[in-house]
C-alpha cells in the first residue's frame, strides 16, 4: 500500500528558514526579518534550530490587484 506523504490535518509542516526563502524566491534574511517583525511565527527546536510552518509562509503571499480592482490569480 502506498505511503501518504501529506501531513494529517492539524499537523504542522515545519521547514527551515532557507527552505521557506527558497519556496518564496526571497533571501533567507527576508524570512529572518519577517520573524523579527512578528509577521511570521517561528518554532525553536533546539539551541540553534529554528523552523517555520509552511502554511504560515504561504499566508505571507497576498494577491496583487489589477487595474480593474480584481485580484490577479
C-alpha atoms as a PDB file:
ATOM      1  CA  UNK A   1       0.000   0.000   0.000  1.00  0.00           C
ATOM      2  CA  UNK A   2       1.451   3.424  -0.926  1.00  0.00           C
ATOM      3  CA  UNK A   3       2.524   5.635   1.910  1.00  0.00           C
ATOM      4  CA  UNK A   4       0.823   9.010   2.316  1.00  0.00           C
ATOM      5  CA  UNK A   5       3.215  11.943   2.147  1.00  0.00           C
ATOM      6  CA  UNK A   6       0.851  14.746   3.162  1.00  0.00           C
ATOM      7  CA  UNK A   7       0.701  15.702   6.824  1.00  0.00           C
ATOM      8  CA  UNK A   8      -2.572  14.835   8.552  1.00  0.00           C
ATOM      9  CA  UNK A   9      -4.973  17.697   9.231  1.00  0.00           C
ATOM     10  CA  UNK A  10      -3.882  19.823  12.165  1.00  0.00           C
ATOM     11  CA  UNK A  11      -0.207  18.892  11.912  1.00  0.00           C
ATOM     12  CA  UNK A  12       2.417  21.461  11.075  1.00  0.00           C
ATOM     13  CA  UNK A  13       4.719  21.121   8.089  1.00  0.00           C
ATOM     14  CA  UNK A  14       7.860  22.725   9.512  1.00  0.00           C
ATOM     15  CA  UNK A  15      10.647  23.767   7.164  1.00  0.00           C
ATOM     16  CA  UNK A  16      13.970  25.540   7.578  1.00  0.00           C
ATOM     17  CA  UNK A  17      14.222  29.275   7.037  1.00  0.00           C
ATOM     18  CA  UNK A  18      16.336  28.557   3.971  1.00  0.00           C
ATOM     19  CA  UNK A  19      13.666  26.246   2.535  1.00  0.00           C
ATOM     20  CA  UNK A  20      10.984  28.860   3.227  1.00  0.00           C
ATOM     21  CA  UNK A  21      13.082  31.502   1.478  1.00  0.00           C
ATOM     22  CA  UNK A  22      13.626  29.206  -1.490  1.00  0.00           C
ATOM     23  CA  UNK A  23       9.894  28.457  -1.645  1.00  0.00           C
ATOM     24  CA  UNK A  24       9.076  32.184  -1.822  1.00  0.00           C
ATOM     25  CA  UNK A  25      12.043  33.080  -4.013  1.00  0.00           C
ATOM     26  CA  UNK A  26      13.498  35.502  -1.471  1.00  0.00           C
ATOM     27  CA  UNK A  27      16.727  35.746   0.521  1.00  0.00           C
ATOM     28  CA  UNK A  28      16.830  33.881   3.879  1.00  0.00           C
ATOM     29  CA  UNK A  29      17.423  37.242   5.575  1.00  0.00           C
ATOM     30  CA  UNK A  30      13.940  38.279   4.405  1.00  0.00           C
ATOM     31  CA  UNK A  31      12.482  35.337   6.344  1.00  0.00           C
ATOM     32  CA  UNK A  32      14.502  36.304   9.429  1.00  0.00           C
ATOM     33  CA  UNK A  33      13.212  39.874   9.158  1.00  0.00           C
ATOM     34  CA  UNK A  34       9.598  38.687   8.917  1.00  0.00           C
ATOM     35  CA  UNK A  35      10.133  36.592  12.059  1.00  0.00           C
ATOM     36  CA  UNK A  36      11.749  39.514  13.922  1.00  0.00           C
ATOM     37  CA  UNK A  37       8.877  41.807  12.885  1.00  0.00           C
ATOM     38  CA  UNK A  38       6.316  39.302  14.165  1.00  0.00           C
ATOM     39  CA  UNK A  39       4.823  38.712  10.711  1.00  0.00           C
ATOM     40  CA  UNK A  40       5.958  35.076  10.612  1.00  0.00           C
ATOM     41  CA  UNK A  41       5.808  32.659  13.526  1.00  0.00           C
ATOM     42  CA  UNK A  42       8.906  30.553  14.164  1.00  0.00           C
ATOM     43  CA  UNK A  43       9.446  27.444  16.268  1.00  0.00           C
ATOM     44  CA  UNK A  44      12.683  26.735  18.125  1.00  0.00           C
ATOM     45  CA  UNK A  45      13.518  23.031  18.178  1.00  0.00           C
ATOM     46  CA  UNK A  46      16.898  23.367  19.847  1.00  0.00           C
ATOM     47  CA  UNK A  47      19.527  25.953  20.705  1.00  0.00           C
ATOM     48  CA  UNK A  48      20.275  26.656  17.032  1.00  0.00           C
ATOM     49  CA  UNK A  49      17.378  25.002  15.222  1.00  0.00           C
ATOM     50  CA  UNK A  50      14.521  27.212  14.051  1.00  0.00           C
ATOM     51  CA  UNK A  51      11.690  26.147  11.754  1.00  0.00           C
ATOM     52  CA  UNK A  52       8.659  27.868  10.246  1.00  0.00           C
ATOM     53  CA  UNK A  53       5.314  26.367   9.300  1.00  0.00           C
ATOM     54  CA  UNK A  54       4.851  26.186   5.533  1.00  0.00           C
ATOM     55  CA  UNK A  55       1.198  27.236   5.939  1.00  0.00           C
ATOM     56  CA  UNK A  56       2.375  30.415   7.722  1.00  0.00           C
ATOM     57  CA  UNK A  57       4.860  31.041   4.910  1.00  0.00           C
ATOM     58  CA  UNK A  58       2.086  30.696   2.324  1.00  0.00           C
ATOM     59  CA  UNK A  59      -0.058  33.106   4.364  1.00  0.00           C
ATOM     60  CA  UNK A  60       2.539  35.817   3.649  1.00  0.00           C
ATOM     61  CA  UNK A  61       1.529  35.701  -0.013  1.00  0.00           C
ATOM     62  CA  UNK A  62      -1.040  38.296  -0.999  1.00  0.00           C
ATOM     63  CA  UNK A  63      -2.807  38.603  -4.354  1.00  0.00           C
ATOM     64  CA  UNK A  64      -1.895  41.602  -6.474  1.00  0.00           C
ATOM     65  CA  UNK A  65      -4.819  43.790  -7.511  1.00  0.00           C
ATOM     66  CA  UNK A  66      -5.182  44.547 -11.211  1.00  0.00           C
ATOM     67  CA  UNK A  67      -6.222  47.897 -12.673  1.00  0.00           C
ATOM     68  CA  UNK A  68      -9.870  46.756 -12.601  1.00  0.00           C
ATOM     69  CA  UNK A  69      -9.575  46.140  -8.855  1.00  0.00           C
ATOM     70  CA  UNK A  70      -9.818  42.360  -9.077  1.00  0.00           C
ATOM     71  CA  UNK A  71      -7.134  40.204  -7.532  1.00  0.00           C
ATOM     72  CA  UNK A  72      -4.891  38.649 -10.159  1.00  0.00           C
ATOM     73  CA  UNK A  73      -4.950  34.899  -9.741  1.00  0.00           C
END
